[in-house]
Amino acid sequence: MSSITIDQFIENFLTAVDFQESVEVTPDTELKSLPEWDSLAALGVIVMFDVDYGKTITGDDLKTCVALNDLYKLLG
């Protein structure tokens, strides 16, 4: 697993998605339950993986993720 902690990952995720309203997010938070989880948010996450972690993921990778922890596991 990555040397990035889940808490650091969550901070980066919140920055990448840039929610208009503050949201409470845990590793078990389901992505579809987030008020602004849409294609633009997904694009932000794809860019985050590329820029912050040097890892390429696709929309298909995101479709397999149910919760935030599933995204974190993509860091592998």
PDB file of N, CA and C in Angstrom:
ATOM      1  N   MET A   1       0.854  -1.191   0.000  1.00  0.00           N
ATOM      2  CA  MET A   1       0.000   0.000   0.000  1.00  0.00           C
ATOM      3  C   MET A   1       0.884   1.233   0.000  1.00  0.00           C
ATOM      4  N   SER A   2       0.342   2.292  -0.398  1.00  0.00           N
ATOM      5  CA  SER A   2       1.046   3.567  -0.496  1.00  0.00           C
ATOM      6  C   SER A   2       1.473   4.064   0.884  1.00  0.00           C
ATOM      7  N   SER A   3       2.491   4.922   0.906  1.00  0.00           N
ATOM      8  CA  SER A   3       2.926   5.532   2.166  1.00  0.00           C
ATOM      9  C   SER A   3       2.004   6.686   2.566  1.00  0.00           C
ATOM     10  N   ILE A   4       1.057   7.028   1.706  1.00  0.00           N
ATOM     11  CA  ILE A   4       0.065   8.064   2.011  1.00  0.00           C
ATOM     12  C   ILE A   4      -0.990   7.453   2.936  1.00  0.00           C
ATOM     13  N   THR A   5      -1.286   8.138   4.030  1.00  0.00           N
ATOM     14  CA  THR A   5      -2.316   7.620   4.935  1.00  0.00           C
ATOM     15  C   THR A   5      -3.700   7.911   4.351  1.00  0.00           C
ATOM     16  N   ILE A   6      -4.685   7.209   4.848  1.00  0.00           N
ATOM     17  CA  ILE A   6      -6.054   7.428   4.384  1.00  0.00           C
ATOM     18  C   ILE A   6      -6.493   8.857   4.727  1.00  0.00           C
ATOM     19  N   ASP A   7      -6.034   9.387   5.861  1.00  0.00           N
ATOM     20  CA  ASP A   7      -6.407  10.758   6.229  1.00  0.00           C
ATOM     21  C   ASP A   7      -5.821  11.776   5.252  1.00  0.00           C
ATOM     22  N   GLN A   8      -4.576  11.580   4.836  1.00  0.00           N
ATOM     23  CA  GLN A   8      -3.962  12.458   3.842  1.00  0.00           C
ATOM     24  C   GLN A   8      -4.698  12.339   2.507  1.00  0.00           C
ATOM     25  N   PHE A   9      -5.058  11.104   2.167  1.00  0.00           N
ATOM     26  CA  PHE A   9      -5.783  10.865   0.924  1.00  0.00           C
ATOM     27  C   PHE A   9      -7.127  11.589   0.936  1.00  0.00           C
ATOM     28  N   ILE A  10      -7.830  11.524   2.067  1.00  0.00           N
ATOM     29  CA  ILE A  10      -9.129  12.190   2.187  1.00  0.00           C
ATOM     30  C   ILE A  10      -8.962  13.701   2.026  1.00  0.00           C
ATOM     31  N   GLU A  11      -7.925  14.269   2.643  1.00  0.00           N
ATOM     32  CA  GLU A  11      -7.670  15.709   2.476  1.00  0.00           C
ATOM     33  C   GLU A  11      -7.474  16.057   1.005  1.00  0.00           C
ATOM     34  N   ASN A  12      -6.668  15.268   0.314  1.00  0.00           N
ATOM     35  CA  ASN A  12      -6.414  15.514  -1.112  1.00  0.00           C
ATOM     36  C   ASN A  12      -7.687  15.328  -1.938  1.00  0.00           C
ATOM     37  N   PHE A  13      -8.483  14.332  -1.578  1.00  0.00           N
ATOM     38  CA  PHE A  13      -9.744  14.080  -2.264  1.00  0.00           C
ATOM     39  C   PHE A  13     -10.675  15.285  -2.135  1.00  0.00           C
ATOM     40  N   LEU A  14     -10.802  15.808  -0.913  1.00  0.00           N
ATOM     41  CA  LEU A  14     -11.681  16.962  -0.683  1.00  0.00           C
ATOM     42  C   LEU A  14     -11.203  18.176  -1.462  1.00  0.00           C
ATOM     43  N   THR A  15      -9.899  18.355  -1.566  1.00  0.00           N
ATOM     44  CA  THR A  15      -9.345  19.460  -2.349  1.00  0.00           C
ATOM     45  C   THR A  15      -9.619  19.245  -3.837  1.00  0.00           C
ATOM     46  N   ALA A  16      -9.427  18.022  -4.309  1.00  0.00           N
ATOM     47  CA  ALA A  16      -9.609  17.718  -5.737  1.00  0.00           C
ATOM     48  C   ALA A  16     -11.055  17.895  -6.169  1.00  0.00           C
ATOM     49  N   VAL A  17     -11.985  17.478  -5.326  1.00  0.00           N
ATOM     50  CA  VAL A  17     -13.401  17.554  -5.683  1.00  0.00           C
ATOM     51  C   VAL A  17     -13.938  18.971  -5.468  1.00  0.00           C
ATOM     52  N   ASP A  18     -13.384  19.692  -4.503  1.00  0.00           N
ATOM     53  CA  ASP A  18     -13.738  21.086  -4.256  1.00  0.00           C
ATOM     54  C   ASP A  18     -15.245  21.264  -4.026  1.00  0.00           C
ATOM     55  N   PHE A  19     -15.739  20.606  -2.984  1.00  0.00           N
ATOM     56  CA  PHE A  19     -17.150  20.702  -2.628  1.00  0.00           C
ATOM     57  C   PHE A  19     -17.516  22.139  -2.287  1.00  0.00           C
ATOM     58  N   GLN A  20     -18.681  22.580  -2.707  1.00  0.00           N
ATOM     59  CA  GLN A  20     -19.155  23.929  -2.400  1.00  0.00           C
ATOM     60  C   GLN A  20     -19.492  24.071  -0.920  1.00  0.00           C
ATOM     61  N   GLU A  21     -20.061  23.020  -0.353  1.00  0.00           N
ATOM     62  CA  GLU A  21     -20.399  22.984   1.072  1.00  0.00           C
ATOM     63  C   GLU A  21     -19.488  21.956   1.729  1.00  0.00           C
ATOM     64  N   SER A  22     -19.111  22.216   2.957  1.00  0.00           N
ATOM     65  CA  SER A  22     -18.259  21.284   3.690  1.00  0.00           C
ATOM     66  C   SER A  22     -18.998  19.957   3.880  1.00  0.00           C
ATOM     67  N   VAL A  23     -18.300  18.860   3.628  1.00  0.00           N
ATOM     68  CA  VAL A  23     -18.899  17.537   3.813  1.00  0.00           C
ATOM     69  C   VAL A  23     -18.011  16.706   4.723  1.00  0.00           C
ATOM     70  N   GLU A  24     -18.645  15.846   5.477  1.00  0.00           N
ATOM     71  CA  GLU A  24     -17.937  14.921   6.353  1.00  0.00           C
ATOM     72  C   GLU A  24     -17.662  13.658   5.558  1.00  0.00           C
ATOM     73  N   VAL A  25     -16.394  13.286   5.453  1.00  0.00           N
ATOM     74  CA  VAL A  25     -16.018  12.125   4.649  1.00  0.00           C
ATOM     75  C   VAL A  25     -15.158  11.193   5.488  1.00  0.00           C
ATOM     76  N   THR A  26     -15.496   9.906   5.440  1.00  0.00           N
ATOM     77  CA  THR A  26     -14.708   8.869   6.102  1.00  0.00           C
ATOM     78  C   THR A  26     -14.315   7.839   5.040  1.00  0.00           C
ATOM     79  N   PRO A  27     -13.434   6.906   5.379  1.00  0.00           N
ATOM     80  CA  PRO A  27     -13.081   5.871   4.399  1.00  0.00           C
ATOM     81  C   PRO A  27     -14.290   5.078   3.904  1.00  0.00           C
ATOM     82  N   ASP A  28     -15.333   4.993   4.721  1.00  0.00           N
ATOM     83  CA  ASP A  28     -16.515   4.205   4.353  1.00  0.00           C
ATOM     84  C   ASP A  28     -17.593   5.018   3.636  1.00  0.00           C
ATOM     85  N   THR A  29     -17.356   6.305   3.431  1.00  0.00           N
ATOM     86  CA  THR A  29     -18.335   7.155   2.745  1.00  0.00           C
ATOM     87  C   THR A  29     -18.533   6.666   1.314  1.00  0.00           C
ATOM     88  N   GLU A  30     -19.789   6.423   0.959  1.00  0.00           N
ATOM     89  CA  GLU A  30     -20.090   6.005  -0.414  1.00  0.00           C
ATOM     90  C   GLU A  30     -20.035   7.221  -1.325  1.00  0.00           C
ATOM     91  N   LEU A  31     -19.335   7.069  -2.425  1.00  0.00           N
ATOM     92  CA  LEU A  31     -19.158   8.176  -3.356  1.00  0.00           C
ATOM     93  C   LEU A  31     -20.500   8.727  -3.842  1.00  0.00           C
ATOM     94  N   LYS A  32     -21.417   7.832  -4.174  1.00  0.00           N
ATOM     95  CA  LYS A  32     -22.708   8.288  -4.712  1.00  0.00           C
ATOM     96  C   LYS A  32     -23.536   9.054  -3.671  1.00  0.00           C
ATOM     97  N   SER A  33     -23.172   8.944  -2.388  1.00  0.00           N
ATOM     98  CA  SER A  33     -23.897   9.683  -1.352  1.00  0.00           C
ATOM     99  C   SER A  33     -23.406  11.121  -1.230  1.00  0.00           C
ATOM    100  N   LEU A  34     -22.296  11.453  -1.869  1.00  0.00           N
ATOM    101  CA  LEU A  34     -21.756  12.811  -1.792  1.00  0.00           C
ATOM    102  C   LEU A  34     -22.568  13.737  -2.695  1.00  0.00           C
ATOM    103  N   PRO A  35     -22.929  14.905  -2.200  1.00  0.00           N
ATOM    104  CA  PRO A  35     -23.847  15.778  -2.936  1.00  0.00           C
ATOM    105  C   PRO A  35     -23.334  16.247  -4.301  1.00  0.00           C
ATOM    106  N   GLU A  36     -22.034  16.340  -4.456  1.00  0.00           N
ATOM    107  CA  GLU A  36     -21.494  16.851  -5.712  1.00  0.00           C
ATOM    108  C   GLU A  36     -20.667  15.811  -6.465  1.00  0.00           C
ATOM    109  N   TRP A  37     -20.917  14.538  -6.201  1.00  0.00           N
ATOM    110  CA  TRP A  37     -20.164  13.498  -6.902  1.00  0.00           C
ATOM    111  C   TRP A  37     -20.758  13.364  -8.300  1.00  0.00           C
ATOM    112  N   ASP A  38     -20.051  13.928  -9.275  1.00  0.00           N
ATOM    113  CA  ASP A  38     -20.507  13.906 -10.657  1.00  0.00           C
ATOM    114  C   ASP A  38     -19.290  13.758 -11.567  1.00  0.00           C
ATOM    115  N   SER A  39     -19.482  13.948 -12.857  1.00  0.00           N
ATOM    116  CA  SER A  39     -18.382  13.739 -13.800  1.00  0.00           C
ATOM    117  C   SER A  39     -17.242  14.738 -13.579  1.00  0.00           C
ATOM    118  N   LEU A  40     -17.572  15.949 -13.164  1.00  0.00           N
ATOM    119  CA  LEU A  40     -16.518  16.930 -12.902  1.00  0.00           C
ATOM    120  C   LEU A  40     -15.710  16.542 -11.666  1.00  0.00           C
ATOM    121  N   ALA A  41     -16.382  16.060 -10.643  1.00  0.00           N
ATOM    122  CA  ALA A  41     -15.687  15.581  -9.441  1.00  0.00           C
ATOM    123  C   ALA A  41     -14.801  14.391  -9.788  1.00  0.00           C
ATOM    124  N   ALA A  42     -15.320  13.488 -10.606  1.00  0.00           N
ATOM    125  CA  ALA A  42     -14.544  12.322 -11.019  1.00  0.00           C
ATOM    126  C   ALA A  42     -13.294  12.751 -11.782  1.00  0.00           C
ATOM    127  N   LEU A  43     -13.442  13.737 -12.651  1.00  0.00           N
ATOM    128  CA  LEU A  43     -12.292  14.250 -13.389  1.00  0.00           C
ATOM    129  C   LEU A  43     -11.252  14.828 -12.432  1.00  0.00           C
ATOM    130  N   GLY A  44     -11.711  15.536 -11.416  1.00  0.00           N
ATOM    131  CA  GLY A  44     -10.797  16.069 -10.399  1.00  0.00           C
ATOM    132  C   GLY A  44     -10.018  14.972  -9.704  1.00  0.00           C
ATOM    133  N   VAL A  45     -10.675  13.852  -9.433  1.00  0.00           N
ATOM    134  CA  VAL A  45     -10.015  12.723  -8.782  1.00  0.00           C
ATOM    135  C   VAL A  45      -8.993  12.079  -9.729  1.00  0.00           C
ATOM    136  N   ILE A  46      -9.352  11.956 -10.995  1.00  0.00           N
ATOM    137  CA  ILE A  46      -8.420  11.401 -11.986  1.00  0.00           C
ATOM    138  C   ILE A  46      -7.168  12.282 -12.069  1.00  0.00           C
ATOM    139  N   VAL A  47      -7.362  13.595 -12.099  1.00  0.00           N
ATOM    140  CA  VAL A  47      -6.225  14.525 -12.140  1.00  0.00           C
ATOM    141  C   VAL A  47      -5.408  14.421 -10.854  1.00  0.00           C
ATOM    142  N   MET A  48      -6.077  14.304  -9.702  1.00  0.00           N
ATOM    143  CA  MET A  48      -5.382  14.159  -8.426  1.00  0.00           C
ATOM    144  C   MET A  48      -4.463  12.946  -8.450  1.00  0.00           C
ATOM    145  N   PHE A  49      -4.978  11.818  -8.922  1.00  0.00           N
ATOM    146  CA  PHE A  49      -4.157  10.610  -8.984  1.00  0.00           C
ATOM    147  C   PHE A  49      -2.926  10.843  -9.855  1.00  0.00           C
ATOM    148  N   ASP A  50      -3.113  11.511 -10.977  1.00  0.00           N
ATOM    149  CA  ASP A  50      -2.007  11.758 -11.903  1.00  0.00           C
ATOM    150  C   ASP A  50      -0.985  12.725 -11.312  1.00  0.00           C
ATOM    151  N   VAL A  51      -1.446  13.872 -10.839  1.00  0.00           N
ATOM    152  CA  VAL A  51      -0.543  14.929 -10.375  1.00  0.00           C
ATOM    153  C   VAL A  51       0.066  14.613  -9.005  1.00  0.00           C
ATOM    154  N   ASP A  52      -0.775  14.216  -8.053  1.00  0.00           N
ATOM    155  CA  ASP A  52      -0.295  14.012  -6.681  1.00  0.00           C
ATOM    156  C   ASP A  52       0.401  12.672  -6.474  1.00  0.00           C
ATOM    157  N   TYR A  53      -0.024  11.658  -7.208  1.00  0.00           N
ATOM    158  CA  TYR A  53       0.481  10.311  -6.944  1.00  0.00           C
ATOM    159  C   TYR A  53       1.201   9.675  -8.137  1.00  0.00           C
ATOM    160  N   GLY A  54       1.201  10.335  -9.290  1.00  0.00           N
ATOM    161  CA  GLY A  54       1.877   9.783 -10.458  1.00  0.00           C
ATOM    162  C   GLY A  54       1.254   8.487 -10.939  1.00  0.00           C
ATOM    163  N   LYS A  55      -0.040   8.332 -10.709  1.00  0.00           N
ATOM    164  CA  LYS A  55      -0.740   7.104 -11.092  1.00  0.00           C
ATOM    165  C   LYS A  55      -1.882   7.453 -12.045  1.00  0.00           C
ATOM    166  N   THR A  56      -1.978   6.700 -13.113  1.00  0.00           N
ATOM    167  CA  THR A  56      -3.036   6.919 -14.091  1.00  0.00           C
ATOM    168  C   THR A  56      -4.218   6.011 -13.782  1.00  0.00           C
ATOM    169  N   ILE A  57      -5.390   6.625 -13.610  1.00  0.00           N
ATOM    170  CA  ILE A  57      -6.628   5.857 -13.467  1.00  0.00           C
ATOM    171  C   ILE A  57      -7.613   6.389 -14.501  1.00  0.00           C
ATOM    172  N   THR A  58      -8.643   5.603 -14.753  1.00  0.00           N
ATOM    173  CA  THR A  58      -9.642   5.957 -15.762  1.00  0.00           C
ATOM    174  C   THR A  58     -11.029   6.035 -15.125  1.00  0.00           C
ATOM    175  N   GLY A  59     -11.959   6.499 -15.912  1.00  0.00           N
ATOM    176  CA  GLY A  59     -13.350   6.507 -15.470  1.00  0.00           C
ATOM    177  C   GLY A  59     -13.839   5.106 -15.143  1.00  0.00           C
ATOM    178  N   ASP A  60     -13.346   4.113 -15.892  1.00  0.00           N
ATOM    179  CA  ASP A  60     -13.729   2.724 -15.609  1.00  0.00           C
ATOM    180  C   ASP A  60     -13.225   2.296 -14.240  1.00  0.00           C
ATOM    181  N   ASP A  61     -12.021   2.753 -13.865  1.00  0.00           N
ATOM    182  CA  ASP A  61     -11.511   2.450 -12.523  1.00  0.00           C
ATOM    183  C   ASP A  61     -12.442   3.042 -11.467  1.00  0.00           C
ATOM    184  N   LEU A  62     -12.876   4.273 -11.699  1.00  0.00           N
ATOM    185  CA  LEU A  62     -13.771   4.928 -10.735  1.00  0.00           C
ATOM    186  C   LEU A  62     -15.112   4.223 -10.623  1.00  0.00           C
ATOM    187  N   LYS A  63     -15.595   3.681 -11.726  1.00  0.00           N
ATOM    188  CA  LYS A  63     -16.889   2.980 -11.706  1.00  0.00           C
ATOM    189  C   LYS A  63     -16.862   1.762 -10.795  1.00  0.00           C
ATOM    190  N   THR A  64     -15.680   1.194 -10.554  1.00  0.00           N
ATOM    191  CA  THR A  64     -15.577   0.016  -9.687  1.00  0.00           C
ATOM    192  C   THR A  64     -15.534   0.400  -8.208  1.00  0.00           C
ATOM    193  N   CYS A  65     -15.403   1.696  -7.926  1.00  0.00           N
ATOM    194  CA  CYS A  65     -15.283   2.166  -6.549  1.00  0.00           C
ATOM    195  C   CYS A  65     -16.646   2.540  -5.976  1.00  0.00           C
ATOM    196  N   VAL A  66     -16.946   1.978  -4.826  1.00  0.00           N
ATOM    197  CA  VAL A  66     -18.199   2.287  -4.142  1.00  0.00           C
ATOM    198  C   VAL A  66     -17.950   3.330  -3.057  1.00  0.00           C
ATOM    199  N   ALA A  67     -16.929   3.101  -2.246  1.00  0.00           N
ATOM    200  CA  ALA A  67     -16.622   3.984  -1.119  1.00  0.00           C
ATOM    201  C   ALA A  67     -15.257   4.643  -1.323  1.00  0.00           C
ATOM    202  N   LEU A  68     -14.995   5.647  -0.531  1.00  0.00           N
ATOM    203  CA  LEU A  68     -13.725   6.356  -0.613  1.00  0.00           C
ATOM    204  C   LEU A  68     -12.536   5.414  -0.419  1.00  0.00           C
ATOM    205  N   ASN A  69     -12.702   4.446   0.459  1.00  0.00           N
ATOM    206  CA  ASN A  69     -11.639   3.476   0.695  1.00  0.00           C
ATOM    207  C   ASN A  69     -11.283   2.700  -0.583  1.00  0.00           C
ATOM    208  N   ASP A  70     -12.269   2.474  -1.436  1.00  0.00           N
ATOM    209  CA  ASP A  70     -12.001   1.788  -2.711  1.00  0.00           C
ATOM    210  C   ASP A  70     -11.091   2.652  -3.596  1.00  0.00           C
ATOM    211  N   LEU A  71     -11.301   3.964  -3.572  1.00  0.00           N
ATOM    212  CA  LEU A  71     -10.418   4.871  -4.317  1.00  0.00           C
ATOM    213  C   LEU A  71      -9.001   4.778  -3.750  1.00  0.00           C
ATOM    214  N   TYR A  72      -8.910   4.807  -2.437  1.00  0.00           N
ATOM    215  CA  TYR A  72      -7.617   4.741  -1.764  1.00  0.00           C
ATOM    216  C   TYR A  72      -6.851   3.477  -2.162  1.00  0.00           C
ATOM    217  N   LYS A  73      -7.564   2.383  -2.278  1.00  0.00           N
ATOM    218  CA  LYS A  73      -6.930   1.110  -2.656  1.00  0.00           C
ATOM    219  C   LYS A  73      -6.350   1.158  -4.069  1.00  0.00           C
ATOM    220  N   LEU A  74      -6.835   2.063  -4.915  1.00  0.00           N
ATOM    221  CA  LEU A  74      -6.290   2.186  -6.263  1.00  0.00           C
ATOM    222  C   LEU A  74      -4.843   2.671  -6.252  1.00  0.00           C
ATOM    223  N   LEU A  75      -4.416   3.271  -5.135  1.00  0.00           N
ATOM    224  CA  LEU A  75      -3.021   3.685  -5.031  1.00  0.00           C
ATOM    225  C   LEU A  75      -2.086   2.478  -5.020  1.00  0.00           C
ATOM    226  N   GLY A  76      -2.656   1.335  -4.567  1.00  0.00           N
ATOM    227  CA  GLY A  76      -1.997   0.060  -4.553  1.00  0.00           C
ATOM    228  C   GLY A  76      -0.582   0.052  -4.236  1.00  0.00           C
TER     229      GLY A  76
END
